Amino acid sequence: GINAEYGAEQRAAKLTEDLAALRTELETLKQERESAGDRETKQQTEIKELTRLFDQLKRSESKLRESFSGSEGTISELKQKLADSDKKEEQMKKYCEEIVLKMKSELMKY
């Protein structure tokens, strides 16, 4: 009987140890699941933020396109004015050169 009791106590002690180990393992798994849940929540939050920023970027881009498409006419008008201005500048240079030449030739007479 003593050996049987001793064996039963050992088995009970072993079972208690195993149970404690299982509890620890279960607690670890629970914590891992919670932290995985936290990571998932964090990722979902980041995805929402990125989506919001992307939508904002698309809105800004379309506003830019609208404002640019409205200004295309203005841009071509400005280019034309610039070209006209260049022509006038060229004409003025020629006119000034002619005057300088006339003045030189007038001065040569004396």
C-alpha atoms as a PDB file:
ATOM      1  CA  GLY A   1       0.000   0.000   0.000  1.00  0.00           C
ATOM      2  CA  ILE A   2       2.783   2.438   0.793  1.00  0.00           C
ATOM      3  CA  ASN A   3       4.255   2.075  -2.677  1.00  0.00           C
ATOM      4  CA  ALA A   4       0.822   2.530  -4.263  1.00  0.00           C
ATOM      5  CA  GLU A   5       0.193   5.685  -2.199  1.00  0.00           C
ATOM      6  CA  TYR A   6       3.648   7.006  -3.036  1.00  0.00           C
ATOM      7  CA  GLY A   7       3.049   6.283  -6.738  1.00  0.00           C
ATOM      8  CA  ALA A   8      -0.332   8.030  -6.629  1.00  0.00           C
ATOM      9  CA  GLU A   9       1.241  11.086  -4.962  1.00  0.00           C
ATOM     10  CA  GLN A  10       3.944  11.190  -7.611  1.00  0.00           C
ATOM     11  CA  ARG A  11       1.339  10.936 -10.384  1.00  0.00           C
ATOM     12  CA  ALA A  12      -0.712  13.691  -8.697  1.00  0.00           C
ATOM     13  CA  ALA A  13       2.400  15.886  -8.407  1.00  0.00           C
ATOM     14  CA  LYS A  14       3.248  15.204 -12.072  1.00  0.00           C
ATOM     15  CA  LEU A  15      -0.347  16.030 -13.119  1.00  0.00           C
ATOM     16  CA  THR A  16      -0.222  19.271 -11.085  1.00  0.00           C
ATOM     17  CA  GLU A  17       3.062  20.204 -12.821  1.00  0.00           C
ATOM     18  CA  ASP A  18       1.616  19.379 -16.242  1.00  0.00           C
ATOM     19  CA  LEU A  19      -1.502  21.392 -15.441  1.00  0.00           C
ATOM     20  CA  ALA A  20       0.609  24.390 -14.387  1.00  0.00           C
ATOM     21  CA  ALA A  21       2.625  24.091 -17.611  1.00  0.00           C
ATOM     22  CA  LEU A  22      -0.585  23.939 -19.654  1.00  0.00           C
ATOM     23  CA  ARG A  23      -1.948  27.008 -17.832  1.00  0.00           C
ATOM     24  CA  THR A  24       1.272  28.898 -18.601  1.00  0.00           C
ATOM     25  CA  GLU A  25       1.108  27.832 -22.252  1.00  0.00           C
ATOM     26  CA  LEU A  26      -2.561  28.850 -22.434  1.00  0.00           C
ATOM     27  CA  GLU A  27      -1.755  32.264 -20.909  1.00  0.00           C
ATOM     28  CA  THR A  28       1.072  32.745 -23.421  1.00  0.00           C
ATOM     29  CA  LEU A  29      -1.232  31.848 -26.317  1.00  0.00           C
ATOM     30  CA  LYS A  30      -3.881  34.235 -24.974  1.00  0.00           C
ATOM     31  CA  GLN A  31      -1.333  37.075 -24.803  1.00  0.00           C
ATOM     32  CA  GLU A  32      -0.040  36.281 -28.316  1.00  0.00           C
ATOM     33  CA  ARG A  33      -3.611  36.345 -29.645  1.00  0.00           C
ATOM     34  CA  GLU A  34      -4.257  39.701 -27.938  1.00  0.00           C
ATOM     35  CA  SER A  35      -1.066  41.234 -29.314  1.00  0.00           C
ATOM     36  CA  ALA A  36      -1.902  39.832 -32.767  1.00  0.00           C
ATOM     37  CA  GLY A  37      -5.310  41.479 -32.403  1.00  0.00           C
ATOM     38  CA  ASP A  38      -3.608  44.750 -31.422  1.00  0.00           C
ATOM     39  CA  ARG A  39      -1.317  44.526 -34.468  1.00  0.00           C
ATOM     40  CA  GLU A  40      -4.308  43.829 -36.706  1.00  0.00           C
ATOM     41  CA  THR A  41      -6.185  46.817 -35.259  1.00  0.00           C
ATOM     42  CA  LYS A  42      -3.091  48.984 -35.747  1.00  0.00           C
ATOM     43  CA  GLN A  43      -2.750  47.786 -39.360  1.00  0.00           C
ATOM     44  CA  GLN A  44      -6.432  48.494 -40.033  1.00  0.00           C
ATOM     45  CA  THR A  45      -5.980  52.005 -38.604  1.00  0.00           C
ATOM     46  CA  GLU A  46      -2.897  52.555 -40.799  1.00  0.00           C
ATOM     47  CA  ILE A  47      -4.782  51.281 -43.858  1.00  0.00           C
ATOM     48  CA  LYS A  48      -7.674  53.671 -43.136  1.00  0.00           C
ATOM     49  CA  GLU A  49      -5.219  56.564 -42.759  1.00  0.00           C
ATOM     50  CA  LEU A  50      -3.399  55.650 -45.995  1.00  0.00           C
ATOM     51  CA  THR A  51      -6.732  55.349 -47.811  1.00  0.00           C
ATOM     52  CA  ARG A  52      -7.774  58.771 -46.498  1.00  0.00           C
ATOM     53  CA  LEU A  53      -4.464  60.310 -47.619  1.00  0.00           C
ATOM     54  CA  PHE A  54      -4.744  58.642 -51.034  1.00  0.00           C
ATOM     55  CA  ASP A  55      -8.297  59.990 -51.506  1.00  0.00           C
ATOM     56  CA  GLN A  56      -7.089  63.445 -50.454  1.00  0.00           C
ATOM     57  CA  LEU A  57      -4.265  63.194 -52.996  1.00  0.00           C
ATOM     58  CA  LYS A  58      -6.722  62.189 -55.755  1.00  0.00           C
ATOM     59  CA  ARG A  59      -8.978  65.160 -54.887  1.00  0.00           C
ATOM     60  CA  SER A  60      -6.005  67.529 -54.966  1.00  0.00           C
ATOM     61  CA  GLU A  61      -4.905  66.087 -58.292  1.00  0.00           C
ATOM     62  CA  SER A  62      -8.350  66.531 -59.861  1.00  0.00           C
ATOM     63  CA  LYS A  63      -8.537  70.119 -58.517  1.00  0.00           C
ATOM     64  CA  LEU A  64      -5.136  70.779 -60.076  1.00  0.00           C
ATOM     65  CA  ARG A  65      -6.286  69.277 -63.380  1.00  0.00           C
ATOM     66  CA  GLU A  66      -9.434  71.432 -63.324  1.00  0.00           C
ATOM     67  CA  SER A  67      -7.501  74.612 -62.590  1.00  0.00           C
ATOM     68  CA  PHE A  68      -4.928  73.734 -65.252  1.00  0.00           C
ATOM     69  CA  SER A  69      -7.503  72.871 -67.915  1.00  0.00           C
ATOM     70  CA  GLY A  70      -9.108  76.257 -67.270  1.00  0.00           C
ATOM     71  CA  SER A  71      -5.752  77.946 -67.673  1.00  0.00           C
ATOM     72  CA  GLU A  72      -4.684  76.236 -70.909  1.00  0.00           C
ATOM     73  CA  GLY A  73      -6.292  79.041 -72.899  1.00  0.00           C
ATOM     74  CA  THR A  74      -4.546  81.591 -70.704  1.00  0.00           C
ATOM     75  CA  ILE A  75      -1.220  79.834 -71.211  1.00  0.00           C
ATOM     76  CA  SER A  76      -1.520  79.907 -74.996  1.00  0.00           C
ATOM     77  CA  GLU A  77      -2.566  83.585 -74.813  1.00  0.00           C
ATOM     78  CA  LEU A  78       0.496  84.322 -72.700  1.00  0.00           C
ATOM     79  CA  LYS A  79       2.734  82.479 -75.161  1.00  0.00           C
ATOM     80  CA  GLN A  80       1.262  84.550 -77.997  1.00  0.00           C
ATOM     81  CA  LYS A  81       1.786  87.806 -76.070  1.00  0.00           C
ATOM     82  CA  LEU A  82       5.360  86.775 -75.357  1.00  0.00           C
ATOM     83  CA  ALA A  83       5.968  86.016 -79.041  1.00  0.00           C
ATOM     84  CA  ASP A  84       4.422  89.392 -79.997  1.00  0.00           C
ATOM     85  CA  SER A  85       6.564  91.103 -77.385  1.00  0.00           C
ATOM     86  CA  ASP A  86       9.687  89.408 -78.797  1.00  0.00           C
ATOM     87  CA  LYS A  87       8.753  90.610 -82.286  1.00  0.00           C
ATOM     88  CA  LYS A  88       8.249  94.173 -81.024  1.00  0.00           C
ATOM     89  CA  GLU A  89      11.586  94.037 -79.202  1.00  0.00           C
ATOM     90  CA  GLU A  90      13.281  92.847 -82.393  1.00  0.00           C
ATOM     91  CA  GLN A  91      11.615  95.658 -84.378  1.00  0.00           C
ATOM     92  CA  MET A  92      12.721  98.218 -81.778  1.00  0.00           C
ATOM     93  CA  LYS A  93      16.323  96.938 -81.940  1.00  0.00           C
ATOM     94  CA  LYS A  94      16.346  97.290 -85.737  1.00  0.00           C
ATOM     95  CA  TYR A  95      14.796 100.755 -85.485  1.00  0.00           C
ATOM     96  CA  CYS A  96      17.408 101.842 -82.903  1.00  0.00           C
ATOM     97  CA  GLU A  97      20.230 100.389 -85.006  1.00  0.00           C
ATOM     98  CA  GLU A  98      18.949 102.330 -88.030  1.00  0.00           C
ATOM     99  CA  ILE A  99      18.861 105.558 -86.017  1.00  0.00           C
ATOM    100  CA  VAL A 100      22.391 104.909 -84.706  1.00  0.00           C
ATOM    101  CA  LEU A 101      23.592 104.278 -88.294  1.00  0.00           C
ATOM    102  CA  LYS A 102      21.898 107.481 -89.524  1.00  0.00           C
ATOM    103  CA  MET A 103      23.456 109.452 -86.673  1.00  0.00           C
ATOM    104  CA  LYS A 104      26.881 107.982 -87.440  1.00  0.00           C
ATOM    105  CA  SER A 105      26.559 108.836 -91.089  1.00  0.00           C
ATOM    106  CA  GLU A 106      25.419 112.379 -90.140  1.00  0.00           C
ATOM    107  CA  LEU A 107      28.442 112.719 -87.867  1.00  0.00           C
ATOM    108  CA  MET A 108      30.750 111.430 -90.633  1.00  0.00           C
ATOM    109  CA  LYS A 109      29.729 114.373 -92.799  1.00  0.00           C
ATOM    110  CA  TYR A 110      31.352 116.818 -90.360  1.00  0.00           C
END
